[in-house]
Amino acid sequence: MAEQKEEKPASTEHFSIKVKGQDGDEIVFKIKKTTPLKKLMNAYCNRQDVRFDALVFLYDGNRIQPDDTPDALGMEDNDEIDVMVHQVGGH
């Protein structure tokens, strides 16, 4: 007889997201698909000892807004977020 595996609702399911900085360092976070990404972004800034407004977070080349959720962006397990230093100005 096959074992039945109890499935968790998608809202409580945790998955991994890699956050990769310009220096090549990667930090893996486990979050829920419905968690606003601001929580992950703040955690990354705290670990790197960098101000929140000094960085830009990108997923598939698009800037992530703090209120975005992994579910809203269509993220999957082990997807990667790129982090860039925010630059102002230029000619």
C-alpha atoms as a PDB file:
ATOM      1  CA  MET A   1       0.000   0.000   0.000  1.00  0.00           C
ATOM      2  CA  ALA A   2       1.398   3.398  -0.965  1.00  0.00           C
ATOM      3  CA  GLU A   3       2.021   5.959   1.742  1.00  0.00           C
ATOM      4  CA  GLN A   4      -0.068   9.080   1.515  1.00  0.00           C
ATOM      5  CA  LYS A   5       1.917  12.252   1.868  1.00  0.00           C
ATOM      6  CA  GLU A   6       0.118  15.142   3.470  1.00  0.00           C
ATOM      7  CA  GLU A   7       0.475  18.244   1.333  1.00  0.00           C
ATOM      8  CA  LYS A   8       0.832  21.640   2.937  1.00  0.00           C
ATOM      9  CA  PRO A   9      -1.180  24.580   1.646  1.00  0.00           C
ATOM     10  CA  ALA A  10       0.926  26.758  -0.678  1.00  0.00           C
ATOM     11  CA  SER A  11       0.708  29.741   1.695  1.00  0.00           C
ATOM     12  CA  THR A  12       2.680  27.972   4.439  1.00  0.00           C
ATOM     13  CA  GLU A  13       5.182  26.298   2.146  1.00  0.00           C
ATOM     14  CA  HIS A  14       8.755  27.502   2.587  1.00  0.00           C
ATOM     15  CA  PHE A  15      11.217  27.557  -0.260  1.00  0.00           C
ATOM     16  CA  SER A  16      14.745  28.790  -0.853  1.00  0.00           C
ATOM     17  CA  ILE A  17      15.773  31.984  -2.606  1.00  0.00           C
ATOM     18  CA  LYS A  18      19.424  32.782  -3.337  1.00  0.00           C
ATOM     19  CA  VAL A  19      20.464  36.401  -3.014  1.00  0.00           C
ATOM     20  CA  LYS A  20      23.642  37.106  -4.966  1.00  0.00           C
ATOM     21  CA  GLY A  21      25.660  40.282  -4.473  1.00  0.00           C
ATOM     22  CA  GLN A  22      27.950  41.986  -6.978  1.00  0.00           C
ATOM     23  CA  ASP A  23      30.970  40.479  -5.232  1.00  0.00           C
ATOM     24  CA  GLY A  24      29.680  36.966  -5.986  1.00  0.00           C
ATOM     25  CA  ASP A  25      28.667  36.157  -2.417  1.00  0.00           C
ATOM     26  CA  GLU A  26      25.436  34.190  -2.099  1.00  0.00           C
ATOM     27  CA  ILE A  27      23.097  34.023   0.875  1.00  0.00           C
ATOM     28  CA  VAL A  28      20.205  31.569   0.826  1.00  0.00           C
ATOM     29  CA  PHE A  29      16.972  32.522   2.567  1.00  0.00           C
ATOM     30  CA  LYS A  30      13.986  30.289   3.294  1.00  0.00           C
ATOM     31  CA  ILE A  31      10.709  32.181   3.116  1.00  0.00           C
ATOM     32  CA  LYS A  32       7.037  31.615   2.411  1.00  0.00           C
ATOM     33  CA  LYS A  33       5.674  32.410  -1.046  1.00  0.00           C
ATOM     34  CA  THR A  34       3.324  34.967   0.499  1.00  0.00           C
ATOM     35  CA  THR A  35       5.941  36.834   2.569  1.00  0.00           C
ATOM     36  CA  PRO A  36       6.631  40.388   1.358  1.00  0.00           C
ATOM     37  CA  LEU A  37      10.185  40.475   0.010  1.00  0.00           C
ATOM     38  CA  LYS A  38      10.962  43.508   2.184  1.00  0.00           C
ATOM     39  CA  LYS A  39      11.621  41.026   5.004  1.00  0.00           C
ATOM     40  CA  LEU A  40      14.261  39.211   2.927  1.00  0.00           C
ATOM     41  CA  MET A  41      15.730  42.503   1.683  1.00  0.00           C
ATOM     42  CA  ASN A  42      16.067  43.865   5.228  1.00  0.00           C
ATOM     43  CA  ALA A  43      17.673  40.630   6.423  1.00  0.00           C
ATOM     44  CA  TYR A  44      20.209  40.792   3.579  1.00  0.00           C
ATOM     45  CA  CYS A  45      21.054  44.428   4.379  1.00  0.00           C
ATOM     46  CA  ASN A  46      21.501  43.612   8.072  1.00  0.00           C
ATOM     47  CA  ARG A  47      23.834  40.688   7.294  1.00  0.00           C
ATOM     48  CA  GLN A  48      25.895  42.813   4.909  1.00  0.00           C
ATOM     49  CA  ASP A  49      25.807  45.868   7.219  1.00  0.00           C
ATOM     50  CA  VAL A  50      24.480  48.061   4.407  1.00  0.00           C
ATOM     51  CA  ARG A  51      21.636  50.587   4.408  1.00  0.00           C
ATOM     52  CA  PHE A  52      18.431  49.427   2.701  1.00  0.00           C
ATOM     53  CA  ASP A  53      18.344  52.409   0.341  1.00  0.00           C
ATOM     54  CA  ALA A  54      21.924  51.775  -0.811  1.00  0.00           C
ATOM     55  CA  LEU A  55      20.983  48.588  -2.703  1.00  0.00           C
ATOM     56  CA  VAL A  56      18.732  47.584  -5.580  1.00  0.00           C
ATOM     57  CA  PHE A  57      17.248  44.069  -5.685  1.00  0.00           C
ATOM     58  CA  LEU A  58      16.512  42.552  -9.105  1.00  0.00           C
ATOM     59  CA  TYR A  59      14.646  39.436 -10.200  1.00  0.00           C
ATOM     60  CA  ASP A  60      14.853  38.512 -13.883  1.00  0.00           C
ATOM     61  CA  GLY A  61      16.258  41.984 -14.559  1.00  0.00           C
ATOM     62  CA  ASN A  62      13.299  43.764 -12.960  1.00  0.00           C
ATOM     63  CA  ARG A  63      13.523  45.816  -9.791  1.00  0.00           C
ATOM     64  CA  ILE A  64      11.795  44.213  -6.803  1.00  0.00           C
ATOM     65  CA  GLN A  65       9.447  46.389  -4.783  1.00  0.00           C
ATOM     66  CA  PRO A  66       9.347  45.842  -0.995  1.00  0.00           C
ATOM     67  CA  ASP A  67       5.658  44.827  -1.109  1.00  0.00           C
ATOM     68  CA  ASP A  68       6.217  42.201  -3.834  1.00  0.00           C
ATOM     69  CA  THR A  69       5.875  38.557  -2.808  1.00  0.00           C
ATOM     70  CA  PRO A  70       7.618  35.553  -4.373  1.00  0.00           C
ATOM     71  CA  ASP A  71       4.190  34.244  -5.394  1.00  0.00           C
ATOM     72  CA  ALA A  72       3.282  37.500  -7.180  1.00  0.00           C
ATOM     73  CA  LEU A  73       6.608  37.435  -9.075  1.00  0.00           C
ATOM     74  CA  GLY A  74       6.216  33.765 -10.026  1.00  0.00           C
ATOM     75  CA  MET A  75       9.344  32.723  -8.137  1.00  0.00           C
ATOM     76  CA  GLU A  76      10.224  29.078  -7.655  1.00  0.00           C
ATOM     77  CA  ASP A  77      12.478  27.156  -5.294  1.00  0.00           C
ATOM     78  CA  ASN A  78      16.170  28.103  -5.672  1.00  0.00           C
ATOM     79  CA  ASP A  79      15.479  31.162  -7.842  1.00  0.00           C
ATOM     80  CA  GLU A  80      18.063  33.914  -7.623  1.00  0.00           C
ATOM     81  CA  ILE A  81      17.792  37.591  -6.741  1.00  0.00           C
ATOM     82  CA  ASP A  82      20.627  39.879  -7.849  1.00  0.00           C
ATOM     83  CA  VAL A  83      21.752  42.761  -5.646  1.00  0.00           C
ATOM     84  CA  MET A  84      23.378  45.890  -7.039  1.00  0.00           C
ATOM     85  CA  VAL A  85      24.686  49.019  -5.379  1.00  0.00           C
ATOM     86  CA  HIS A  86      22.200  51.814  -6.038  1.00  0.00           C
ATOM     87  CA  GLN A  87      23.811  54.509  -8.200  1.00  0.00           C
ATOM     88  CA  VAL A  88      22.428  58.001  -8.657  1.00  0.00           C
ATOM     89  CA  GLY A  89      23.345  60.381 -11.437  1.00  0.00           C
ATOM     90  CA  GLY A  90      25.650  59.911 -14.337  1.00  0.00           C
ATOM     91  CA  HIS A  91      26.199  61.649 -17.641  1.00  0.00           C
END
